[in-house]
Amino acid sequence: MSEALESPALFQRLGESGREPISFTLDGQLLQALQGDTIMTAVLTQQSQLRQSEFSASARAGFCLMGACQDCWIVSESGQRYRSCSTLLVPGMRLLTQVEGGA
């Protein structure tokens, strides 16, 4: 299990109703989110970081939260890059928090 998945979630849901749960995979672990969540929301309700920086291995969790800074990108298992703060999670997405050798 990834160290990040053992750390507390950065985002906490305060109240939800009426949205269907959907599944996605993060670093090989099957997780649940809610229909309409961005990738960032789905990941950060599970753990404290989106990814590790490709330059320093430091934790990254987004910066501007509106799609301008490119700090929140995350990669799928197939290599597709997503700006997580503005991309909706799709059921079955397979995401990675770090990529060997950077992305």
C-alpha atoms as a PDB file:
ATOM      1  CA  MET A   1       0.000   0.000   0.000  1.00  0.00           C
ATOM      2  CA  SER A   2       1.180   3.502  -0.820  1.00  0.00           C
ATOM      3  CA  GLU A   3       2.322   5.697   2.098  1.00  0.00           C
ATOM      4  CA  ALA A   4       0.036   8.454   0.791  1.00  0.00           C
ATOM      5  CA  LEU A   5      -3.030   6.237   1.153  1.00  0.00           C
ATOM      6  CA  GLU A   6      -2.201   5.728   4.828  1.00  0.00           C
ATOM      7  CA  SER A   7      -2.159   9.474   5.537  1.00  0.00           C
ATOM      8  CA  PRO A   8      -5.323  11.418   6.410  1.00  0.00           C
ATOM      9  CA  ALA A   9      -7.466  12.879   3.649  1.00  0.00           C
ATOM     10  CA  LEU A  10      -6.890  16.536   2.793  1.00  0.00           C
ATOM     11  CA  PHE A  11     -10.547  17.152   1.823  1.00  0.00           C
ATOM     12  CA  GLN A  12     -13.470  16.157   4.065  1.00  0.00           C
ATOM     13  CA  ARG A  13     -17.044  15.807   2.816  1.00  0.00           C
ATOM     14  CA  LEU A  14     -19.400  17.752   5.062  1.00  0.00           C
ATOM     15  CA  GLY A  15     -22.661  16.586   3.581  1.00  0.00           C
ATOM     16  CA  GLU A  16     -23.704  14.728   0.471  1.00  0.00           C
ATOM     17  CA  SER A  17     -26.973  13.387  -0.859  1.00  0.00           C
ATOM     18  CA  GLY A  18     -28.355  12.299  -4.177  1.00  0.00           C
ATOM     19  CA  ARG A  19     -25.120  11.493  -6.034  1.00  0.00           C
ATOM     20  CA  GLU A  20     -24.286   7.981  -7.146  1.00  0.00           C
ATOM     21  CA  PRO A  21     -21.028   6.381  -5.967  1.00  0.00           C
ATOM     22  CA  ILE A  22     -18.508   5.521  -8.683  1.00  0.00           C
ATOM     23  CA  SER A  23     -15.321   3.450  -8.550  1.00  0.00           C
ATOM     24  CA  PHE A  24     -11.828   4.375  -9.683  1.00  0.00           C
ATOM     25  CA  THR A  25      -8.345   2.975  -9.131  1.00  0.00           C
ATOM     26  CA  LEU A  26      -5.496   4.932  -7.550  1.00  0.00           C
ATOM     27  CA  ASP A  27      -2.061   3.307  -7.534  1.00  0.00           C
ATOM     28  CA  GLY A  28      -3.741  -0.079  -8.007  1.00  0.00           C
ATOM     29  CA  GLN A  29      -6.202   0.356  -5.132  1.00  0.00           C
ATOM     30  CA  LEU A  30      -9.938   0.355  -5.912  1.00  0.00           C
ATOM     31  CA  LEU A  31     -11.610   3.408  -4.323  1.00  0.00           C
ATOM     32  CA  GLN A  32     -15.005   5.134  -4.313  1.00  0.00           C
ATOM     33  CA  ALA A  33     -15.954   8.707  -5.199  1.00  0.00           C
ATOM     34  CA  LEU A  34     -19.231  10.394  -6.118  1.00  0.00           C
ATOM     35  CA  GLN A  35     -20.633  11.087  -9.579  1.00  0.00           C
ATOM     36  CA  GLY A  36     -19.711  14.683 -10.458  1.00  0.00           C
ATOM     37  CA  ASP A  37     -16.477  14.764  -8.411  1.00  0.00           C
ATOM     38  CA  THR A  38     -13.409  16.220 -10.053  1.00  0.00           C
ATOM     39  CA  ILE A  39     -10.356  13.984 -10.049  1.00  0.00           C
ATOM     40  CA  MET A  40      -8.866  16.265  -7.371  1.00  0.00           C
ATOM     41  CA  THR A  41     -11.887  15.863  -5.081  1.00  0.00           C
ATOM     42  CA  ALA A  42     -11.962  12.093  -5.603  1.00  0.00           C
ATOM     43  CA  VAL A  43      -8.272  11.705  -4.723  1.00  0.00           C
ATOM     44  CA  LEU A  44      -8.026  14.243  -1.891  1.00  0.00           C
ATOM     45  CA  THR A  45     -11.046  12.814  -0.055  1.00  0.00           C
ATOM     46  CA  GLN A  46      -8.939   9.633   0.139  1.00  0.00           C
ATOM     47  CA  GLN A  47      -5.455  10.961   0.943  1.00  0.00           C
ATOM     48  CA  SER A  48      -3.391  14.085   1.579  1.00  0.00           C
ATOM     49  CA  GLN A  49      -1.695  14.500  -1.823  1.00  0.00           C
ATOM     50  CA  LEU A  50      -2.431  14.185  -5.519  1.00  0.00           C
ATOM     51  CA  ARG A  51       1.035  13.163  -6.601  1.00  0.00           C
ATOM     52  CA  GLN A  52       4.731  13.531  -5.975  1.00  0.00           C
ATOM     53  CA  SER A  53       6.625  16.244  -7.833  1.00  0.00           C
ATOM     54  CA  GLU A  54       8.641  14.905 -10.723  1.00  0.00           C
ATOM     55  CA  PHE A  55      11.460  17.278  -9.753  1.00  0.00           C
ATOM     56  CA  SER A  56      11.846  16.805  -5.998  1.00  0.00           C
ATOM     57  CA  ALA A  57       9.489  13.971  -4.952  1.00  0.00           C
ATOM     58  CA  SER A  58       7.708  16.460  -2.675  1.00  0.00           C
ATOM     59  CA  ALA A  59       3.967  16.120  -2.157  1.00  0.00           C
ATOM     60  CA  ARG A  60       1.722  18.125  -4.497  1.00  0.00           C
ATOM     61  CA  ALA A  61      -1.978  18.807  -3.832  1.00  0.00           C
ATOM     62  CA  GLY A  62      -2.821  21.591  -6.261  1.00  0.00           C
ATOM     63  CA  PHE A  63      -2.313  25.317  -5.861  1.00  0.00           C
ATOM     64  CA  CYS A  64      -4.813  27.604  -7.605  1.00  0.00           C
ATOM     65  CA  LEU A  65      -7.715  25.083  -7.717  1.00  0.00           C
ATOM     66  CA  MET A  66      -9.068  26.700 -10.909  1.00  0.00           C
ATOM     67  CA  GLY A  67      -6.992  25.201 -13.732  1.00  0.00           C
ATOM     68  CA  ALA A  68      -4.435  27.969 -14.190  1.00  0.00           C
ATOM     69  CA  CYS A  69      -1.245  26.783 -12.477  1.00  0.00           C
ATOM     70  CA  GLN A  70      -0.774  23.168 -13.695  1.00  0.00           C
ATOM     71  CA  ASP A  71       0.279  22.035 -10.201  1.00  0.00           C
ATOM     72  CA  CYS A  72      -2.564  19.533  -9.938  1.00  0.00           C
ATOM     73  CA  TRP A  73      -1.906  17.356 -12.965  1.00  0.00           C
ATOM     74  CA  ILE A  74      -2.181  13.632 -12.445  1.00  0.00           C
ATOM     75  CA  VAL A  75      -1.442  10.732 -14.801  1.00  0.00           C
ATOM     76  CA  SER A  76      -3.498   7.717 -15.787  1.00  0.00           C
ATOM     77  CA  GLU A  77      -1.959   4.247 -16.036  1.00  0.00           C
ATOM     78  CA  SER A  78      -2.002   4.689 -19.829  1.00  0.00           C
ATOM     79  CA  GLY A  79       0.043   7.918 -19.578  1.00  0.00           C
ATOM     80  CA  GLN A  80      -2.779  10.436 -20.166  1.00  0.00           C
ATOM     81  CA  ARG A  81      -2.262  13.645 -18.153  1.00  0.00           C
ATOM     82  CA  TYR A  82      -5.245  15.335 -16.511  1.00  0.00           C
ATOM     83  CA  ARG A  83      -5.603  18.696 -14.793  1.00  0.00           C
ATOM     84  CA  SER A  84      -7.318  17.208 -11.734  1.00  0.00           C
ATOM     85  CA  CYS A  85      -8.988  20.373 -10.430  1.00  0.00           C
ATOM     86  CA  SER A  86     -11.072  20.804 -13.570  1.00  0.00           C
ATOM     87  CA  THR A  87     -11.458  17.261 -14.963  1.00  0.00           C
ATOM     88  CA  LEU A  88     -14.443  15.197 -13.865  1.00  0.00           C
ATOM     89  CA  LEU A  89     -13.728  11.685 -12.641  1.00  0.00           C
ATOM     90  CA  VAL A  90     -14.981   8.984 -15.002  1.00  0.00           C
ATOM     91  CA  PRO A  91     -16.018   5.608 -13.564  1.00  0.00           C
ATOM     92  CA  GLY A  92     -13.195   3.099 -13.929  1.00  0.00           C
ATOM     93  CA  MET A  93     -10.375   5.670 -14.269  1.00  0.00           C
ATOM     94  CA  ARG A  94      -6.989   4.200 -13.353  1.00  0.00           C
ATOM     95  CA  LEU A  95      -4.749   6.920 -11.884  1.00  0.00           C
ATOM     96  CA  LEU A  96      -1.180   7.100 -10.542  1.00  0.00           C
ATOM     97  CA  THR A  97       0.304   9.417  -7.912  1.00  0.00           C
ATOM     98  CA  GLN A  98       3.833   9.044  -9.222  1.00  0.00           C
ATOM     99  CA  VAL A  99       5.456   7.992 -12.462  1.00  0.00           C
ATOM    100  CA  GLU A 100       8.854   6.344 -12.747  1.00  0.00           C
ATOM    101  CA  GLY A 101      11.348   8.857 -14.148  1.00  0.00           C
ATOM    102  CA  GLY A 102       8.866  11.751 -14.146  1.00  0.00           C
ATOM    103  CA  ALA A 103       6.112  12.446 -16.642  1.00  0.00           C
END
